[in-house]
Amino acid sequence: MKNVTLTVSGNRYEIKLEDSFADFVNADLKESGINLNTDNKPDKLLKAYLRLAKQAASYEDEIELLIETLDNL
């Protein structure tokens, strides 16, 4: 287990996650412009969430297309 720690509006949050998921979360937060060592504004966290939500929706569309393709074989 690893800790993911970030600060938003002066509040520090620390969450224990499985190692590989923690690595993914840390990398994605950094890629989204979230600073892990300094305070962040809530809008940055919202933008990071919306980025992942868009990615998840895109994956769902791709999965549906694959299922449809396989059904037509």
PDB file of N, CA and C in Angstrom:
ATOM      1  N   MET A   1       0.837  -1.176   0.000  1.00  0.00           N
ATOM      2  CA  MET A   1       0.000   0.000   0.000  1.00  0.00           C
ATOM      3  C   MET A   1       0.891   1.251   0.000  1.00  0.00           C
ATOM      4  N   LYS A   2       0.439   2.233  -0.778  1.00  0.00           N
ATOM      5  CA  LYS A   2       1.142   3.513  -0.856  1.00  0.00           C
ATOM      6  C   LYS A   2       0.166   4.633  -0.548  1.00  0.00           C
ATOM      7  N   ASN A   3       0.704   5.741  -0.090  1.00  0.00           N
ATOM      8  CA  ASN A   3      -0.111   6.913   0.177  1.00  0.00           C
ATOM      9  C   ASN A   3      -0.126   7.844  -1.029  1.00  0.00           C
ATOM     10  N   VAL A   4      -1.292   8.381  -1.316  1.00  0.00           N
ATOM     11  CA  VAL A   4      -1.443   9.468  -2.278  1.00  0.00           C
ATOM     12  C   VAL A   4      -1.835  10.672  -1.431  1.00  0.00           C
ATOM     13  N   THR A   5      -1.032  11.724  -1.528  1.00  0.00           N
ATOM     14  CA  THR A   5      -1.253  12.896  -0.690  1.00  0.00           C
ATOM     15  C   THR A   5      -1.335  14.134  -1.557  1.00  0.00           C
ATOM     16  N   LEU A   6      -2.366  14.951  -1.307  1.00  0.00           N
ATOM     17  CA  LEU A   6      -2.453  16.230  -1.989  1.00  0.00           C
ATOM     18  C   LEU A   6      -3.179  17.227  -1.113  1.00  0.00           C
ATOM     19  N   THR A   7      -2.931  18.490  -1.403  1.00  0.00           N
ATOM     20  CA  THR A   7      -3.526  19.574  -0.636  1.00  0.00           C
ATOM     21  C   THR A   7      -4.433  20.384  -1.546  1.00  0.00           C
ATOM     22  N   VAL A   8      -5.662  20.627  -1.068  1.00  0.00           N
ATOM     23  CA  VAL A   8      -6.641  21.415  -1.813  1.00  0.00           C
ATOM     24  C   VAL A   8      -7.197  22.475  -0.862  1.00  0.00           C
ATOM     25  N   SER A   9      -7.055  23.712  -1.268  1.00  0.00           N
ATOM     26  CA  SER A   9      -7.553  24.839  -0.469  1.00  0.00           C
ATOM     27  C   SER A   9      -7.107  24.772   0.993  1.00  0.00           C
ATOM     28  N   GLY A  10      -5.852  24.433   1.192  1.00  0.00           N
ATOM     29  CA  GLY A  10      -5.292  24.404   2.536  1.00  0.00           C
ATOM     30  C   GLY A  10      -5.573  23.149   3.326  1.00  0.00           C
ATOM     31  N   ASN A  11      -6.357  22.241   2.797  1.00  0.00           N
ATOM     32  CA  ASN A  11      -6.646  20.970   3.466  1.00  0.00           C
ATOM     33  C   ASN A  11      -5.817  19.863   2.839  1.00  0.00           C
ATOM     34  N   ARG A  12      -5.078  19.138   3.679  1.00  0.00           N
ATOM     35  CA  ARG A  12      -4.219  18.060   3.184  1.00  0.00           C
ATOM     36  C   ARG A  12      -4.967  16.737   3.310  1.00  0.00           C
ATOM     37  N   TYR A  13      -4.947  15.979   2.215  1.00  0.00           N
ATOM     38  CA  TYR A  13      -5.627  14.679   2.172  1.00  0.00           C
ATOM     39  C   TYR A  13      -4.599  13.591   1.885  1.00  0.00           C
ATOM     40  N   GLU A  14      -4.691  12.504   2.638  1.00  0.00           N
ATOM     41  CA  GLU A  14      -3.789  11.368   2.439  1.00  0.00           C
ATOM     42  C   GLU A  14      -4.633  10.108   2.367  1.00  0.00           C
ATOM     43  N   ILE A  15      -4.457   9.368   1.270  1.00  0.00           N
ATOM     44  CA  ILE A  15      -5.260   8.177   1.030  1.00  0.00           C
ATOM     45  C   ILE A  15      -4.327   7.011   0.727  1.00  0.00           C
ATOM     46  N   LYS A  16      -4.564   5.866   1.354  1.00  0.00           N
ATOM     47  CA  LYS A  16      -3.778   4.659   1.075  1.00  0.00           C
ATOM     48  C   LYS A  16      -4.434   3.892  -0.065  1.00  0.00           C
ATOM     49  N   LEU A  17      -3.614   3.568  -1.063  1.00  0.00           N
ATOM     50  CA  LEU A  17      -4.096   2.803  -2.215  1.00  0.00           C
ATOM     51  C   LEU A  17      -3.119   1.674  -2.512  1.00  0.00           C
ATOM     52  N   GLU A  18      -3.591   0.698  -3.257  1.00  0.00           N
ATOM     53  CA  GLU A  18      -2.686  -0.360  -3.709  1.00  0.00           C
ATOM     54  C   GLU A  18      -1.571   0.275  -4.528  1.00  0.00           C
ATOM     55  N   ASP A  19      -0.389  -0.313  -4.475  1.00  0.00           N
ATOM     56  CA  ASP A  19       0.806   0.280  -5.075  1.00  0.00           C
ATOM     57  C   ASP A  19       0.624   0.709  -6.525  1.00  0.00           C
ATOM     58  N   SER A  20       0.159  -0.193  -7.370  1.00  0.00           N
ATOM     59  CA  SER A  20       0.062   0.131  -8.792  1.00  0.00           C
ATOM     60  C   SER A  20      -0.993   1.205  -9.053  1.00  0.00           C
ATOM     61  N   PHE A  21      -2.099   1.160  -8.305  1.00  0.00           N
ATOM     62  CA  PHE A  21      -3.135   2.182  -8.478  1.00  0.00           C
ATOM     63  C   PHE A  21      -2.645   3.533  -7.958  1.00  0.00           C
ATOM     64  N   ALA A  22      -1.912   3.528  -6.858  1.00  0.00           N
ATOM     65  CA  ALA A  22      -1.341   4.772  -6.325  1.00  0.00           C
ATOM     66  C   ALA A  22      -0.383   5.389  -7.330  1.00  0.00           C
ATOM     67  N   ASP A  23       0.430   4.569  -7.978  1.00  0.00           N
ATOM     68  CA  ASP A  23       1.350   5.069  -9.003  1.00  0.00           C
ATOM     69  C   ASP A  23       0.577   5.697 -10.156  1.00  0.00           C
ATOM     70  N   PHE A  24      -0.500   5.030 -10.577  1.00  0.00           N
ATOM     71  CA  PHE A  24      -1.339   5.566 -11.650  1.00  0.00           C
ATOM     72  C   PHE A  24      -1.947   6.898 -11.240  1.00  0.00           C
ATOM     73  N   VAL A  25      -2.518   6.969 -10.030  1.00  0.00           N
ATOM     74  CA  VAL A  25      -3.163   8.190  -9.548  1.00  0.00           C
ATOM     75  C   VAL A  25      -2.159   9.333  -9.460  1.00  0.00           C
ATOM     76  N   ASN A  26      -0.999   9.066  -8.888  1.00  0.00           N
ATOM     77  CA  ASN A  26       0.026  10.110  -8.791  1.00  0.00           C
ATOM     78  C   ASN A  26       0.450  10.611 -10.164  1.00  0.00           C
ATOM     79  N   ALA A  27       0.672   9.699 -11.091  1.00  0.00           N
ATOM     80  CA  ALA A  27       1.084  10.099 -12.444  1.00  0.00           C
ATOM     81  C   ALA A  27      -0.016  10.889 -13.138  1.00  0.00           C
ATOM     82  N   ASP A  28      -1.261  10.460 -12.989  1.00  0.00           N
ATOM     83  CA  ASP A  28      -2.360  11.159 -13.635  1.00  0.00           C
ATOM     84  C   ASP A  28      -2.571  12.540 -13.030  1.00  0.00           C
ATOM     85  N   LEU A  29      -2.458  12.658 -11.717  1.00  0.00           N
ATOM     86  CA  LEU A  29      -2.591  13.969 -11.075  1.00  0.00           C
ATOM     87  C   LEU A  29      -1.508  14.926 -11.577  1.00  0.00           C
ATOM     88  N   LYS A  30      -0.280  14.432 -11.651  1.00  0.00           N
ATOM     89  CA  LYS A  30       0.809  15.277 -12.151  1.00  0.00           C
ATOM     90  C   LYS A  30       0.547  15.696 -13.592  1.00  0.00           C
ATOM     91  N   GLU A  31       0.108  14.751 -14.413  1.00  0.00           N
ATOM     92  CA  GLU A  31      -0.181  15.032 -15.821  1.00  0.00           C
ATOM     93  C   GLU A  31      -1.313  16.051 -15.966  1.00  0.00           C
ATOM     94  N   SER A  32      -2.203  16.072 -14.993  1.00  0.00           N
ATOM     95  CA  SER A  32      -3.346  16.982 -15.017  1.00  0.00           C
ATOM     96  C   SER A  32      -3.010  18.355 -14.435  1.00  0.00           C
ATOM     97  N   GLY A  33      -1.771  18.532 -14.019  1.00  0.00           N
ATOM     98  CA  GLY A  33      -1.365  19.827 -13.483  1.00  0.00           C
ATOM     99  C   GLY A  33      -1.578  19.987 -11.988  1.00  0.00           C
ATOM    100  N   ILE A  34      -1.850  18.894 -11.302  1.00  0.00           N
ATOM    101  CA  ILE A  34      -2.017  18.934  -9.849  1.00  0.00           C
ATOM    102  C   ILE A  34      -0.628  18.837  -9.225  1.00  0.00           C
ATOM    103  N   ASN A  35      -0.327  19.772  -8.324  1.00  0.00           N
ATOM    104  CA  ASN A  35       0.959  19.757  -7.620  1.00  0.00           C
ATOM    105  C   ASN A  35       0.809  18.939  -6.353  1.00  0.00           C
ATOM    106  N   LEU A  36       1.604  17.897  -6.224  1.00  0.00           N
ATOM    107  CA  LEU A  36       1.483  17.006  -5.077  1.00  0.00           C
ATOM    108  C   LEU A  36       2.144  17.579  -3.832  1.00  0.00           C
ATOM    109  N   ASN A  37       3.019  18.565  -4.001  1.00  0.00           N
ATOM    110  CA  ASN A  37       3.762  19.105  -2.863  1.00  0.00           C
ATOM    111  C   ASN A  37       3.317  20.498  -2.444  1.00  0.00           C
ATOM    112  N   THR A  38       2.363  21.094  -3.162  1.00  0.00           N
ATOM    113  CA  THR A  38       1.889  22.423  -2.811  1.00  0.00           C
ATOM    114  C   THR A  38       0.371  22.443  -2.833  1.00  0.00           C
ATOM    115  N   ASP A  39      -0.186  23.555  -2.388  1.00  0.00           N
ATOM    116  CA  ASP A  39      -1.634  23.711  -2.341  1.00  0.00           C
ATOM    117  C   ASP A  39      -2.202  23.820  -3.753  1.00  0.00           C
ATOM    118  N   ASN A  40      -3.394  23.288  -3.950  1.00  0.00           N
ATOM    119  CA  ASN A  40      -4.084  23.331  -5.239  1.00  0.00           C
ATOM    120  C   ASN A  40      -5.449  23.971  -5.073  1.00  0.00           C
ATOM    121  N   LYS A  41      -5.889  24.647  -6.101  1.00  0.00           N
ATOM    122  CA  LYS A  41      -7.231  25.204  -6.102  1.00  0.00           C
ATOM    123  C   LYS A  41      -8.211  24.112  -6.506  1.00  0.00           C
ATOM    124  N   PRO A  42      -9.452  24.155  -6.007  1.00  0.00           N
ATOM    125  CA  PRO A  42     -10.441  23.126  -6.317  1.00  0.00           C
ATOM    126  C   PRO A  42     -10.703  22.979  -7.817  1.00  0.00           C
ATOM    127  N   ASP A  43     -10.614  24.069  -8.579  1.00  0.00           N
ATOM    128  CA  ASP A  43     -10.893  23.957 -10.012  1.00  0.00           C
ATOM    129  C   ASP A  43      -9.880  23.059 -10.717  1.00  0.00           C
ATOM    130  N   LYS A  44      -8.642  23.014 -10.220  1.00  0.00           N
ATOM    131  CA  LYS A  44      -7.645  22.109 -10.817  1.00  0.00           C
ATOM    132  C   LYS A  44      -8.047  20.656 -10.613  1.00  0.00           C
ATOM    133  N   LEU A  45      -8.543  20.355  -9.419  1.00  0.00           N
ATOM    134  CA  LEU A  45      -8.974  18.991  -9.129  1.00  0.00           C
ATOM    135  C   LEU A  45     -10.197  18.626  -9.962  1.00  0.00           C
ATOM    136  N   LEU A  46     -11.114  19.579 -10.121  1.00  0.00           N
ATOM    137  CA  LEU A  46     -12.292  19.345 -10.962  1.00  0.00           C
ATOM    138  C   LEU A  46     -11.881  19.081 -12.406  1.00  0.00           C
ATOM    139  N   LYS A  47     -10.937  19.863 -12.916  1.00  0.00           N
ATOM    140  CA  LYS A  47     -10.456  19.653 -14.293  1.00  0.00           C
ATOM    141  C   LYS A  47      -9.809  18.289 -14.448  1.00  0.00           C
ATOM    142  N   ALA A  48      -9.051  17.855 -13.436  1.00  0.00           N
ATOM    143  CA  ALA A  48      -8.424  16.526 -13.479  1.00  0.00           C
ATOM    144  C   ALA A  48      -9.490  15.438 -13.508  1.00  0.00           C
ATOM    145  N   TYR A  49     -10.533  15.610 -12.694  1.00  0.00           N
ATOM    146  CA  TYR A  49     -11.629  14.641 -12.681  1.00  0.00           C
ATOM    147  C   TYR A  49     -12.337  14.600 -14.034  1.00  0.00           C
ATOM    148  N   LEU A  50     -12.637  15.764 -14.584  1.00  0.00           N
ATOM    149  CA  LEU A  50     -13.348  15.811 -15.871  1.00  0.00           C
ATOM    150  C   LEU A  50     -12.509  15.198 -16.992  1.00  0.00           C
ATOM    151  N   ARG A  51     -11.207  15.364 -16.916  1.00  0.00           N
ATOM    152  CA  ARG A  51     -10.306  14.745 -17.899  1.00  0.00           C
ATOM    153  C   ARG A  51     -10.436  13.223 -17.839  1.00  0.00           C
ATOM    154  N   LEU A  52     -10.444  12.666 -16.621  1.00  0.00           N
ATOM    155  CA  LEU A  52     -10.597  11.215 -16.472  1.00  0.00           C
ATOM    156  C   LEU A  52     -11.987  10.747 -16.860  1.00  0.00           C
ATOM    157  N   ALA A  53     -13.005  11.553 -16.547  1.00  0.00           N
ATOM    158  CA  ALA A  53     -14.380  11.190 -16.915  1.00  0.00           C
ATOM    159  C   ALA A  53     -14.518  11.116 -18.428  1.00  0.00           C
ATOM    160  N   LYS A  54     -13.902  12.073 -19.128  1.00  0.00           N
ATOM    161  CA  LYS A  54     -13.940  12.063 -20.595  1.00  0.00           C
ATOM    162  C   LYS A  54     -13.241  10.819 -21.132  1.00  0.00           C
ATOM    163  N   GLN A  55     -12.108  10.490 -20.533  1.00  0.00           N
ATOM    164  CA  GLN A  55     -11.350   9.308 -20.951  1.00  0.00           C
ATOM    165  C   GLN A  55     -12.176   8.038 -20.721  1.00  0.00           C
ATOM    166  N   ALA A  56     -12.834   7.944 -19.572  1.00  0.00           N
ATOM    167  CA  ALA A  56     -13.655   6.770 -19.271  1.00  0.00           C
ATOM    168  C   ALA A  56     -14.819   6.656 -20.245  1.00  0.00           C
ATOM    169  N   ALA A  57     -15.455   7.778 -20.572  1.00  0.00           N
ATOM    170  CA  ALA A  57     -16.564   7.756 -21.535  1.00  0.00           C
ATOM    171  C   ALA A  57     -16.076   7.297 -22.902  1.00  0.00           C
ATOM    172  N   SER A  58     -14.904   7.738 -23.282  1.00  0.00           N
ATOM    173  CA  SER A  58     -14.329   7.332 -24.560  1.00  0.00           C
ATOM    174  C   SER A  58     -14.065   5.820 -24.571  1.00  0.00           C
ATOM    175  N   TYR A  59     -13.552   5.295 -23.456  1.00  0.00           N
ATOM    176  CA  TYR A  59     -13.310   3.851 -23.359  1.00  0.00           C
ATOM    177  C   TYR A  59     -14.619   3.074 -23.464  1.00  0.00           C
ATOM    178  N   GLU A  60     -15.673   3.583 -22.827  1.00  0.00           N
ATOM    179  CA  GLU A  60     -16.967   2.918 -22.903  1.00  0.00           C
ATOM    180  C   GLU A  60     -17.473   2.878 -24.342  1.00  0.00           C
ATOM    181  N   ASP A  61     -17.310   3.973 -25.071  1.00  0.00           N
ATOM    182  CA  ASP A  61     -17.717   4.017 -26.482  1.00  0.00           C
ATOM    183  C   ASP A  61     -16.936   3.000 -27.300  1.00  0.00           C
ATOM    184  N   GLU A  62     -15.620   2.915 -27.036  1.00  0.00           N
ATOM    185  CA  GLU A  62     -14.781   1.965 -27.769  1.00  0.00           C
ATOM    186  C   GLU A  62     -15.193   0.525 -27.456  1.00  0.00           C
ATOM    187  N   ILE A  63     -15.499   0.240 -26.209  1.00  0.00           N
ATOM    188  CA  ILE A  63     -15.921  -1.112 -25.813  1.00  0.00           C
ATOM    189  C   ILE A  63     -17.240  -1.467 -26.487  1.00  0.00           C
ATOM    190  N   GLU A  64     -18.181  -0.528 -26.504  1.00  0.00           N
ATOM    191  CA  GLU A  64     -19.461  -0.777 -27.169  1.00  0.00           C
ATOM    192  C   GLU A  64     -19.260  -1.051 -28.656  1.00  0.00           C
ATOM    193  N   LEU A  65     -18.372  -0.307 -29.291  1.00  0.00           N
ATOM    194  CA  LEU A  65     -18.078  -0.513 -30.708  1.00  0.00           C
ATOM    195  C   LEU A  65     -17.454  -1.888 -30.936  1.00  0.00           C
ATOM    196  N   LEU A  66     -16.556  -2.297 -30.064  1.00  0.00           N
ATOM    197  CA  LEU A  66     -15.936  -3.624 -30.174  1.00  0.00           C
ATOM    198  C   LEU A  66     -16.970  -4.732 -30.009  1.00  0.00           C
ATOM    199  N   ILE A  67     -17.853  -4.583 -29.044  1.00  0.00           N
ATOM    200  CA  ILE A  67     -18.903  -5.580 -28.827  1.00  0.00           C
ATOM    201  C   ILE A  67     -19.812  -5.664 -30.050  1.00  0.00           C
ATOM    202  N   GLU A  68     -20.188  -4.515 -30.576  1.00  0.00           N
ATOM    203  CA  GLU A  68     -21.029  -4.492 -31.774  1.00  0.00           C
ATOM    204  C   GLU A  68     -20.329  -5.161 -32.953  1.00  0.00           C
ATOM    205  N   THR A  69     -19.037  -4.884 -33.102  1.00  0.00           N
ATOM    206  CA  THR A  69     -18.251  -5.492 -34.172  1.00  0.00           C
ATOM    207  C   THR A  69     -18.195  -6.994 -34.028  1.00  0.00           C
ATOM    208  N   LEU A  70     -17.955  -7.461 -32.797  1.00  0.00           N
ATOM    209  CA  LEU A  70     -17.879  -8.900 -32.546  1.00  0.00           C
ATOM    210  C   LEU A  70     -19.227  -9.579 -32.775  1.00  0.00           C
ATOM    211  N   ASP A  71     -20.314  -8.897 -32.397  1.00  0.00           N
ATOM    212  CA  ASP A  71     -21.644  -9.453 -32.617  1.00  0.00           C
ATOM    213  C   ASP A  71     -21.943  -9.632 -34.101  1.00  0.00           C
ATOM    214  N   ASN A  72     -21.377  -8.787 -34.935  1.00  0.00           N
ATOM    215  CA  ASN A  72     -21.628  -8.835 -36.381  1.00  0.00           C
ATOM    216  C   ASN A  72     -20.742  -9.840 -37.112  1.00  0.00           C
ATOM    217  N   LEU A  73     -19.819 -10.458 -36.410  1.00  0.00           N
ATOM    218  CA  LEU A  73     -18.937 -11.450 -37.072  1.00  0.00           C
ATOM    219  C   LEU A  73     -19.633 -12.766 -37.265  1.00  0.00           C
TER     220      LEU A  73
END
